[in-house]
């Protein structure tokens, strides 16, 4: 059995504004960060909790390298969000 989250036939697209220039940036459902094509700023999308965050098999399911990269992105996004709340 294959994880349904890994089925590329079920990817969805969403658009999020760049915090720097306001251009809408295209995200596929398996992406947490993309660079804005206009100004090259890293744009992070808000995300509902993913199975990667709670599933005990996530690391072996998607591979250690991808798992570590995704978890690092999530931690950095959470830290940025906290800084914005603190500074605001």
PDB file of N, CA and C in Angstrom:
ATOM      1  N   UNK A   1       0.841  -1.185   0.000  1.00  0.00           N
ATOM      2  CA  UNK A   1       0.000   0.000   0.000  1.00  0.00           C
ATOM      3  C   UNK A   1       0.879   1.238   0.000  1.00  0.00           C
ATOM      4  N   UNK A   2       0.521   2.202  -0.779  1.00  0.00           N
ATOM      5  CA  UNK A   2       1.280   3.446  -0.880  1.00  0.00           C
ATOM      6  C   UNK A   2       0.515   4.574  -0.186  1.00  0.00           C
ATOM      7  N   UNK A   3       1.244   5.451   0.452  1.00  0.00           N
ATOM      8  CA  UNK A   3       0.637   6.591   1.137  1.00  0.00           C
ATOM      9  C   UNK A   3      -0.096   7.459   0.124  1.00  0.00           C
ATOM     10  N   UNK A   4      -1.366   7.809   0.369  1.00  0.00           N
ATOM     11  CA  UNK A   4      -2.104   8.640  -0.591  1.00  0.00           C
ATOM     12  C   UNK A   4      -1.513  10.036  -0.739  1.00  0.00           C
ATOM     13  N   UNK A   5      -0.801  10.492   0.250  1.00  0.00           N
ATOM     14  CA  UNK A   5      -0.163  11.797   0.168  1.00  0.00           C
ATOM     15  C   UNK A   5       0.998  11.828  -0.814  1.00  0.00           C
ATOM     16  N   UNK A   6       1.493  10.665  -1.194  1.00  0.00           N
ATOM     17  CA  UNK A   6       2.594  10.583  -2.138  1.00  0.00           C
ATOM     18  C   UNK A   6       2.126  10.386  -3.576  1.00  0.00           C
ATOM     19  N   UNK A   7       0.844  10.314  -3.790  1.00  0.00           N
ATOM     20  CA  UNK A   7       0.293  10.107  -5.119  1.00  0.00           C
ATOM     21  C   UNK A   7       0.270  11.437  -5.859  1.00  0.00           C
ATOM     22  N   UNK A   8       1.180  11.598  -6.829  1.00  0.00           N
ATOM     23  CA  UNK A   8       1.290  12.877  -7.527  1.00  0.00           C
ATOM     24  C   UNK A   8       0.071  13.170  -8.399  1.00  0.00           C
ATOM     25  N   UNK A   9      -0.773  12.180  -8.623  1.00  0.00           N
ATOM     26  CA  UNK A   9      -2.000  12.427  -9.391  1.00  0.00           C
ATOM     27  C   UNK A   9      -3.009  13.221  -8.573  1.00  0.00           C
ATOM     28  N   UNK A  10      -2.810  13.316  -7.277  1.00  0.00           N
ATOM     29  CA  UNK A  10      -3.769  14.003  -6.412  1.00  0.00           C
ATOM     30  C   UNK A  10      -3.242  15.332  -5.885  1.00  0.00           C
ATOM     31  N   UNK A  11      -2.191  15.859  -6.495  1.00  0.00           N
ATOM     32  CA  UNK A  11      -1.667  17.152  -6.069  1.00  0.00           C
ATOM     33  C   UNK A  11      -2.691  18.244  -6.356  1.00  0.00           C
ATOM     34  N   UNK A  12      -2.737  19.218  -5.481  1.00  0.00           N
ATOM     35  CA  UNK A  12      -3.610  20.369  -5.687  1.00  0.00           C
ATOM     36  C   UNK A  12      -2.735  21.618  -5.761  1.00  0.00           C
ATOM     37  N   UNK A  13      -3.285  22.679  -6.296  1.00  0.00           N
ATOM     38  CA  UNK A  13      -2.560  23.938  -6.447  1.00  0.00           C
ATOM     39  C   UNK A  13      -3.263  25.007  -5.623  1.00  0.00           C
ATOM     40  N   UNK A  14      -2.472  25.841  -4.961  1.00  0.00           N
ATOM     41  CA  UNK A  14      -3.022  26.995  -4.263  1.00  0.00           C
ATOM     42  C   UNK A  14      -2.087  28.176  -4.515  1.00  0.00           C
ATOM     43  N   UNK A  15      -2.580  29.367  -4.263  1.00  0.00           N
ATOM     44  CA  UNK A  15      -1.812  30.583  -4.508  1.00  0.00           C
ATOM     45  C   UNK A  15      -1.754  31.399  -3.226  1.00  0.00           C
ATOM     46  N   UNK A  16      -0.554  31.880  -2.916  1.00  0.00           N
ATOM     47  CA  UNK A  16      -0.340  32.673  -1.711  1.00  0.00           C
ATOM     48  C   UNK A  16       0.437  33.927  -2.087  1.00  0.00           C
ATOM     49  N   UNK A  17       0.099  35.070  -1.493  1.00  0.00           N
ATOM     50  CA  UNK A  17       0.807  36.303  -1.843  1.00  0.00           C
ATOM     51  C   UNK A  17       2.216  36.339  -1.261  1.00  0.00           C
ATOM     52  N   UNK A  18       3.131  36.875  -2.037  1.00  0.00           N
ATOM     53  CA  UNK A  18       4.500  37.086  -1.556  1.00  0.00           C
ATOM     54  C   UNK A  18       4.455  38.193  -0.509  1.00  0.00           C
ATOM     55  N   UNK A  19       5.070  37.986   0.655  1.00  0.00           N
ATOM     56  CA  UNK A  19       5.033  39.025   1.689  1.00  0.00           C
ATOM     57  C   UNK A  19       5.864  40.258   1.326  1.00  0.00           C
ATOM     58  N   UNK A  20       6.746  40.133   0.343  1.00  0.00           N
ATOM     59  CA  UNK A  20       7.592  41.253  -0.047  1.00  0.00           C
ATOM     60  C   UNK A  20       6.983  42.090  -1.159  1.00  0.00           C
ATOM     61  N   UNK A  21       6.564  41.426  -2.258  1.00  0.00           N
ATOM     62  CA  UNK A  21       6.088  42.197  -3.415  1.00  0.00           C
ATOM     63  C   UNK A  21       4.592  42.025  -3.691  1.00  0.00           C
ATOM     64  N   UNK A  22       3.938  41.071  -3.027  1.00  0.00           N
ATOM     65  CA  UNK A  22       2.507  40.879  -3.185  1.00  0.00           C
ATOM     66  C   UNK A  22       2.089  40.000  -4.352  1.00  0.00           C
ATOM     67  N   UNK A  23       3.029  39.587  -5.202  1.00  0.00           N
ATOM     68  CA  UNK A  23       2.698  38.724  -6.337  1.00  0.00           C
ATOM     69  C   UNK A  23       2.195  37.382  -5.827  1.00  0.00           C
ATOM     70  N   UNK A  24       1.169  36.822  -6.485  1.00  0.00           N
ATOM     71  CA  UNK A  24       0.677  35.509  -6.098  1.00  0.00           C
ATOM     72  C   UNK A  24       1.669  34.441  -6.538  1.00  0.00           C
ATOM     73  N   UNK A  25       2.005  33.569  -5.610  1.00  0.00           N
ATOM     74  CA  UNK A  25       2.972  32.506  -5.846  1.00  0.00           C
ATOM     75  C   UNK A  25       2.235  31.170  -5.847  1.00  0.00           C
ATOM     76  N   UNK A  26       2.530  30.343  -6.824  1.00  0.00           N
ATOM     77  CA  UNK A  26       1.865  29.050  -6.976  1.00  0.00           C
ATOM     78  C   UNK A  26       2.543  27.987  -6.105  1.00  0.00           C
ATOM     79  N   UNK A  27       1.720  27.274  -5.335  1.00  0.00           N
ATOM     80  CA  UNK A  27       2.190  26.165  -4.509  1.00  0.00           C
ATOM     81  C   UNK A  27       1.458  24.895  -4.919  1.00  0.00           C
ATOM     82  N   UNK A  28       2.189  23.812  -5.008  1.00  0.00           N
ATOM     83  CA  UNK A  28       1.558  22.509  -5.110  1.00  0.00           C
ATOM     84  C   UNK A  28       1.382  21.990  -3.691  1.00  0.00           C
ATOM     85  N   UNK A  29       0.456  21.088  -3.492  1.00  0.00           N
ATOM     86  CA  UNK A  29       0.105  20.640  -2.146  1.00  0.00           C
ATOM     87  C   UNK A  29       1.256  19.957  -1.415  1.00  0.00           C
ATOM     88  N   UNK A  30       2.289  19.516  -2.115  1.00  0.00           N
ATOM     89  CA  UNK A  30       3.417  18.877  -1.446  1.00  0.00           C
ATOM     90  C   UNK A  30       4.560  19.853  -1.158  1.00  0.00           C
ATOM     91  N   UNK A  31       4.349  21.146  -1.373  1.00  0.00           N
ATOM     92  CA  UNK A  31       5.390  22.148  -1.151  1.00  0.00           C
ATOM     93  C   UNK A  31       5.070  23.009   0.060  1.00  0.00           C
ATOM     94  N   UNK A  32       6.097  23.310   0.832  1.00  0.00           N
ATOM     95  CA  UNK A  32       5.948  24.199   1.982  1.00  0.00           C
ATOM     96  C   UNK A  32       6.542  25.573   1.699  1.00  0.00           C
ATOM     97  N   UNK A  33       7.510  25.633   0.771  1.00  0.00           N
ATOM     98  CA  UNK A  33       8.192  26.881   0.470  1.00  0.00           C
ATOM     99  C   UNK A  33       8.524  26.899  -1.011  1.00  0.00           C
ATOM    100  N   UNK A  34       8.338  28.064  -1.626  1.00  0.00           N
ATOM    101  CA  UNK A  34       8.800  28.305  -2.994  1.00  0.00           C
ATOM    102  C   UNK A  34       9.359  29.721  -3.051  1.00  0.00           C
ATOM    103  N   UNK A  35      10.185  29.981  -4.048  1.00  0.00           N
ATOM    104  CA  UNK A  35      10.715  31.331  -4.225  1.00  0.00           C
ATOM    105  C   UNK A  35       9.788  32.114  -5.143  1.00  0.00           C
ATOM    106  N   UNK A  36       9.537  33.341  -4.783  1.00  0.00           N
ATOM    107  CA  UNK A  36       8.707  34.222  -5.592  1.00  0.00           C
ATOM    108  C   UNK A  36       9.402  34.432  -6.936  1.00  0.00           C
ATOM    109  N   UNK A  37       8.693  34.220  -8.042  1.00  0.00           N
ATOM    110  CA  UNK A  37       9.326  34.411  -9.343  1.00  0.00           C
ATOM    111  C   UNK A  37       9.671  35.869  -9.633  1.00  0.00           C
ATOM    112  N   UNK A  38       9.033  36.800  -8.956  1.00  0.00           N
ATOM    113  CA  UNK A  38       9.273  38.217  -9.208  1.00  0.00           C
ATOM    114  C   UNK A  38      10.472  38.755  -8.425  1.00  0.00           C
ATOM    115  N   UNK A  39      10.497  38.485  -7.103  1.00  0.00           N
ATOM    116  CA  UNK A  39      11.535  39.102  -6.266  1.00  0.00           C
ATOM    117  C   UNK A  39      12.469  38.099  -5.586  1.00  0.00           C
ATOM    118  N   UNK A  40      12.221  36.807  -5.786  1.00  0.00           N
ATOM    119  CA  UNK A  40      13.070  35.719  -5.262  1.00  0.00           C
ATOM    120  C   UNK A  40      13.003  35.551  -3.748  1.00  0.00           C
ATOM    121  N   UNK A  41      12.024  36.156  -3.091  1.00  0.00           N
ATOM    122  CA  UNK A  41      11.822  35.964  -1.664  1.00  0.00           C
ATOM    123  C   UNK A  41      11.290  34.549  -1.420  1.00  0.00           C
ATOM    124  N   UNK A  42      11.733  33.912  -0.354  1.00  0.00           N
ATOM    125  CA  UNK A  42      11.176  32.616   0.017  1.00  0.00           C
ATOM    126  C   UNK A  42       9.789  32.844   0.595  1.00  0.00           C
ATOM    127  N   UNK A  43       8.789  32.211  -0.001  1.00  0.00           N
ATOM    128  CA  UNK A  43       7.412  32.342   0.448  1.00  0.00           C
ATOM    129  C   UNK A  43       7.002  31.026   1.074  1.00  0.00           C
ATOM    130  N   UNK A  44       6.510  31.093   2.304  1.00  0.00           N
ATOM    131  CA  UNK A  44       6.081  29.900   3.028  1.00  0.00           C
ATOM    132  C   UNK A  44       4.569  29.945   3.169  1.00  0.00           C
ATOM    133  N   UNK A  45       3.934  28.815   2.900  1.00  0.00           N
ATOM    134  CA  UNK A  45       2.476  28.794   3.036  1.00  0.00           C
ATOM    135  C   UNK A  45       2.098  28.271   4.413  1.00  0.00           C
ATOM    136  N   UNK A  46       0.972  28.748   4.880  1.00  0.00           N
ATOM    137  CA  UNK A  46       0.414  28.203   6.110  1.00  0.00           C
ATOM    138  C   UNK A  46      -0.103  26.815   5.784  1.00  0.00           C
ATOM    139  N   UNK A  47       0.024  25.923   6.688  1.00  0.00           N
ATOM    140  CA  UNK A  47      -0.374  24.554   6.390  1.00  0.00           C
ATOM    141  C   UNK A  47      -1.101  23.950   7.576  1.00  0.00           C
ATOM    142  N   UNK A  48      -2.123  23.175   7.275  1.00  0.00           N
ATOM    143  CA  UNK A  48      -2.797  22.421   8.315  1.00  0.00           C
ATOM    144  C   UNK A  48      -1.862  21.296   8.731  1.00  0.00           C
ATOM    145  N   UNK A  49      -2.023  20.751   9.924  1.00  0.00           N
ATOM    146  CA  UNK A  49      -1.125  19.678  10.346  1.00  0.00           C
ATOM    147  C   UNK A  49      -1.071  18.549   9.316  1.00  0.00           C
ATOM    148  N   UNK A  50       0.123  18.142   9.026  1.00  0.00           N
ATOM    149  CA  UNK A  50       0.384  17.103   8.040  1.00  0.00           C
ATOM    150  C   UNK A  50       0.647  15.779   8.744  1.00  0.00           C
ATOM    151  N   UNK A  51       0.425  14.697   8.047  1.00  0.00           N
ATOM    152  CA  UNK A  51       0.727  13.385   8.617  1.00  0.00           C
ATOM    153  C   UNK A  51       2.207  13.287   8.968  1.00  0.00           C
ATOM    154  N   UNK A  52       3.029  14.084   8.302  1.00  0.00           N
ATOM    155  CA  UNK A  52       4.466  14.075   8.584  1.00  0.00           C
ATOM    156  C   UNK A  52       4.722  14.492  10.031  1.00  0.00           C
ATOM    157  N   UNK A  53       3.863  15.349  10.560  1.00  0.00           N
ATOM    158  CA  UNK A  53       4.047  15.833  11.921  1.00  0.00           C
ATOM    159  C   UNK A  53       3.619  14.829  12.979  1.00  0.00           C
ATOM    160  N   UNK A  54       2.680  13.944  12.679  1.00  0.00           N
ATOM    161  CA  UNK A  54       2.164  13.065  13.722  1.00  0.00           C
ATOM    162  C   UNK A  54       2.347  11.574  13.452  1.00  0.00           C
ATOM    163  N   UNK A  55       2.606  11.181  12.230  1.00  0.00           N
ATOM    164  CA  UNK A  55       2.693   9.758  11.909  1.00  0.00           C
ATOM    165  C   UNK A  55       4.064   9.195  12.285  1.00  0.00           C
ATOM    166  N   UNK A  56       4.079   8.110  13.039  1.00  0.00           N
ATOM    167  CA  UNK A  56       5.330   7.491  13.461  1.00  0.00           C
ATOM    168  C   UNK A  56       6.121   6.903  12.294  1.00  0.00           C
ATOM    169  N   UNK A  57       5.454   6.605  11.190  1.00  0.00           N
ATOM    170  CA  UNK A  57       6.119   6.017  10.028  1.00  0.00           C
ATOM    171  C   UNK A  57       6.536   7.061   8.992  1.00  0.00           C
ATOM    172  N   UNK A  58       6.338   8.337   9.277  1.00  0.00           N
ATOM    173  CA  UNK A  58       6.587   9.387   8.280  1.00  0.00           C
ATOM    174  C   UNK A  58       8.020   9.368   7.758  1.00  0.00           C
ATOM    175  N   UNK A  59       8.981   9.237   8.635  1.00  0.00           N
ATOM    176  CA  UNK A  59      10.394   9.263   8.222  1.00  0.00           C
ATOM    177  C   UNK A  59      10.697   8.141   7.227  1.00  0.00           C
ATOM    178  N   UNK A  60      10.220   6.945   7.519  1.00  0.00           N
ATOM    179  CA  UNK A  60      10.482   5.831   6.594  1.00  0.00           C
ATOM    180  C   UNK A  60       9.588   5.908   5.360  1.00  0.00           C
ATOM    181  N   UNK A  61       8.418   6.511   5.486  1.00  0.00           N
ATOM    182  CA  UNK A  61       7.475   6.619   4.380  1.00  0.00           C
ATOM    183  C   UNK A  61       8.016   7.522   3.267  1.00  0.00           C
ATOM    184  N   UNK A  62       8.514   8.701   3.638  1.00  0.00           N
ATOM    185  CA  UNK A  62       8.971   9.648   2.619  1.00  0.00           C
ATOM    186  C   UNK A  62      10.492   9.707   2.488  1.00  0.00           C
ATOM    187  N   UNK A  63      11.189   9.044   3.375  1.00  0.00           N
ATOM    188  CA  UNK A  63      12.652   9.054   3.339  1.00  0.00           C
ATOM    189  C   UNK A  63      13.223  10.069   4.310  1.00  0.00           C
ATOM    190  N   UNK A  64      14.336   9.712   4.921  1.00  0.00           N
ATOM    191  CA  UNK A  64      14.930  10.540   5.969  1.00  0.00           C
ATOM    192  C   UNK A  64      15.329  11.926   5.471  1.00  0.00           C
ATOM    193  N   UNK A  65      15.895  12.014   4.277  1.00  0.00           N
ATOM    194  CA  UNK A  65      16.368  13.306   3.766  1.00  0.00           C
ATOM    195  C   UNK A  65      15.202  14.277   3.565  1.00  0.00           C
ATOM    196  N   UNK A  66      14.144  13.814   2.917  1.00  0.00           N
ATOM    197  CA  UNK A  66      12.982  14.677   2.679  1.00  0.00           C
ATOM    198  C   UNK A  66      12.287  14.998   4.004  1.00  0.00           C
ATOM    199  N   UNK A  67      12.171  14.014   4.880  1.00  0.00           N
ATOM    200  CA  UNK A  67      11.547  14.222   6.191  1.00  0.00           C
ATOM    201  C   UNK A  67      12.288  15.316   6.960  1.00  0.00           C
ATOM    202  N   UNK A  68      13.616  15.207   7.023  1.00  0.00           N
ATOM    203  CA  UNK A  68      14.410  16.189   7.761  1.00  0.00           C
ATOM    204  C   UNK A  68      14.266  17.584   7.167  1.00  0.00           C
ATOM    205  N   UNK A  69      14.242  17.688   5.835  1.00  0.00           N
ATOM    206  CA  UNK A  69      14.094  18.988   5.182  1.00  0.00           C
ATOM    207  C   UNK A  69      12.730  19.601   5.484  1.00  0.00           C
ATOM    208  N   UNK A  70      11.690  18.797   5.428  1.00  0.00           N
ATOM    209  CA  UNK A  70      10.337  19.295   5.703  1.00  0.00           C
ATOM    210  C   UNK A  70      10.213  19.732   7.155  1.00  0.00           C
ATOM    211  N   UNK A  71      10.720  18.931   8.079  1.00  0.00           N
ATOM    212  CA  UNK A  71      10.640  19.286   9.492  1.00  0.00           C
ATOM    213  C   UNK A  71      11.434  20.567   9.777  1.00  0.00           C
ATOM    214  N   UNK A  72      12.583  20.730   9.131  1.00  0.00           N
ATOM    215  CA  UNK A  72      13.374  21.945   9.313  1.00  0.00           C
ATOM    216  C   UNK A  72      12.590  23.159   8.803  1.00  0.00           C
ATOM    217  N   UNK A  73      11.963  23.024   7.622  1.00  0.00           N
ATOM    218  CA  UNK A  73      11.146  24.117   7.088  1.00  0.00           C
ATOM    219  C   UNK A  73      10.006  24.469   8.034  1.00  0.00           C
ATOM    220  N   UNK A  74       9.363  23.466   8.607  1.00  0.00           N
ATOM    221  CA  UNK A  74       8.254  23.706   9.535  1.00  0.00           C
ATOM    222  C   UNK A  74       8.732  24.434  10.789  1.00  0.00           C
ATOM    223  N   UNK A  75       9.887  24.029  11.308  1.00  0.00           N
ATOM    224  CA  UNK A  75      10.431  24.667  12.505  1.00  0.00           C
ATOM    225  C   UNK A  75      10.809  26.129  12.220  1.00  0.00           C
ATOM    226  N   UNK A  76      11.427  26.366  11.059  1.00  0.00           N
ATOM    227  CA  UNK A  76      11.811  27.730  10.696  1.00  0.00           C
ATOM    228  C   UNK A  76      10.585  28.611  10.487  1.00  0.00           C
ATOM    229  N   UNK A  77       9.551  28.074   9.875  1.00  0.00           N
ATOM    230  CA  UNK A  77       8.317  28.835   9.663  1.00  0.00           C
ATOM    231  C   UNK A  77       7.674  29.185  10.998  1.00  0.00           C
ATOM    232  N   UNK A  78       7.673  28.241  11.934  1.00  0.00           N
ATOM    233  CA  UNK A  78       7.099  28.497  13.258  1.00  0.00           C
ATOM    234  C   UNK A  78       7.904  29.575  13.996  1.00  0.00           C
ATOM    235  N   UNK A  79       9.220  29.530  13.866  1.00  0.00           N
ATOM    236  CA  UNK A  79      10.063  30.536  14.515  1.00  0.00           C
ATOM    237  C   UNK A  79       9.821  31.918  13.911  1.00  0.00           C
ATOM    238  N   UNK A  80       9.683  31.994  12.580  1.00  0.00           N
ATOM    239  CA  UNK A  80       9.392  33.274  11.925  1.00  0.00           C
ATOM    240  C   UNK A  80       8.051  33.818  12.383  1.00  0.00           C
ATOM    241  N   UNK A  81       7.071  32.938  12.483  1.00  0.00           N
ATOM    242  CA  UNK A  81       5.739  33.358  12.909  1.00  0.00           C
ATOM    243  C   UNK A  81       5.789  33.922  14.332  1.00  0.00           C
ATOM    244  N   UNK A  82       6.556  33.295  15.201  1.00  0.00           N
ATOM    245  CA  UNK A  82       6.693  33.781  16.579  1.00  0.00           C
ATOM    246  C   UNK A  82       7.377  35.142  16.607  1.00  0.00           C
ATOM    247  N   UNK A  83       8.419  35.315  15.771  1.00  0.00           N
ATOM    248  CA  UNK A  83       9.114  36.608  15.728  1.00  0.00           C
ATOM    249  C   UNK A  83       8.172  37.712  15.266  1.00  0.00           C
ATOM    250  N   UNK A  84       7.345  37.412  14.263  1.00  0.00           N
ATOM    251  CA  UNK A  84       6.405  38.407  13.758  1.00  0.00           C
ATOM    252  C   UNK A  84       5.408  38.782  14.842  1.00  0.00           C
ATOM    253  N   UNK A  85       4.900  37.808  15.588  1.00  0.00           N
ATOM    254  CA  UNK A  85       3.963  38.090  16.671  1.00  0.00           C
ATOM    255  C   UNK A  85       4.632  38.938  17.750  1.00  0.00           C
ATOM    256  N   UNK A  86       5.896  38.599  18.073  1.00  0.00           N
ATOM    257  CA  UNK A  86       6.617  39.327  19.100  1.00  0.00           C
ATOM    258  C   UNK A  86       6.914  40.755  18.677  1.00  0.00           C
ATOM    259  N   UNK A  87       7.325  40.939  17.410  1.00  0.00           N
ATOM    260  CA  UNK A  87       7.686  42.260  16.905  1.00  0.00           C
ATOM    261  C   UNK A  87       6.460  43.125  16.648  1.00  0.00           C
ATOM    262  N   UNK A  88       5.323  42.467  16.337  1.00  0.00           N
ATOM    263  CA  UNK A  88       4.108  43.208  15.979  1.00  0.00           C
ATOM    264  C   UNK A  88       3.429  43.716  17.176  1.00  0.00           C
TER     265      UNK A  88
END
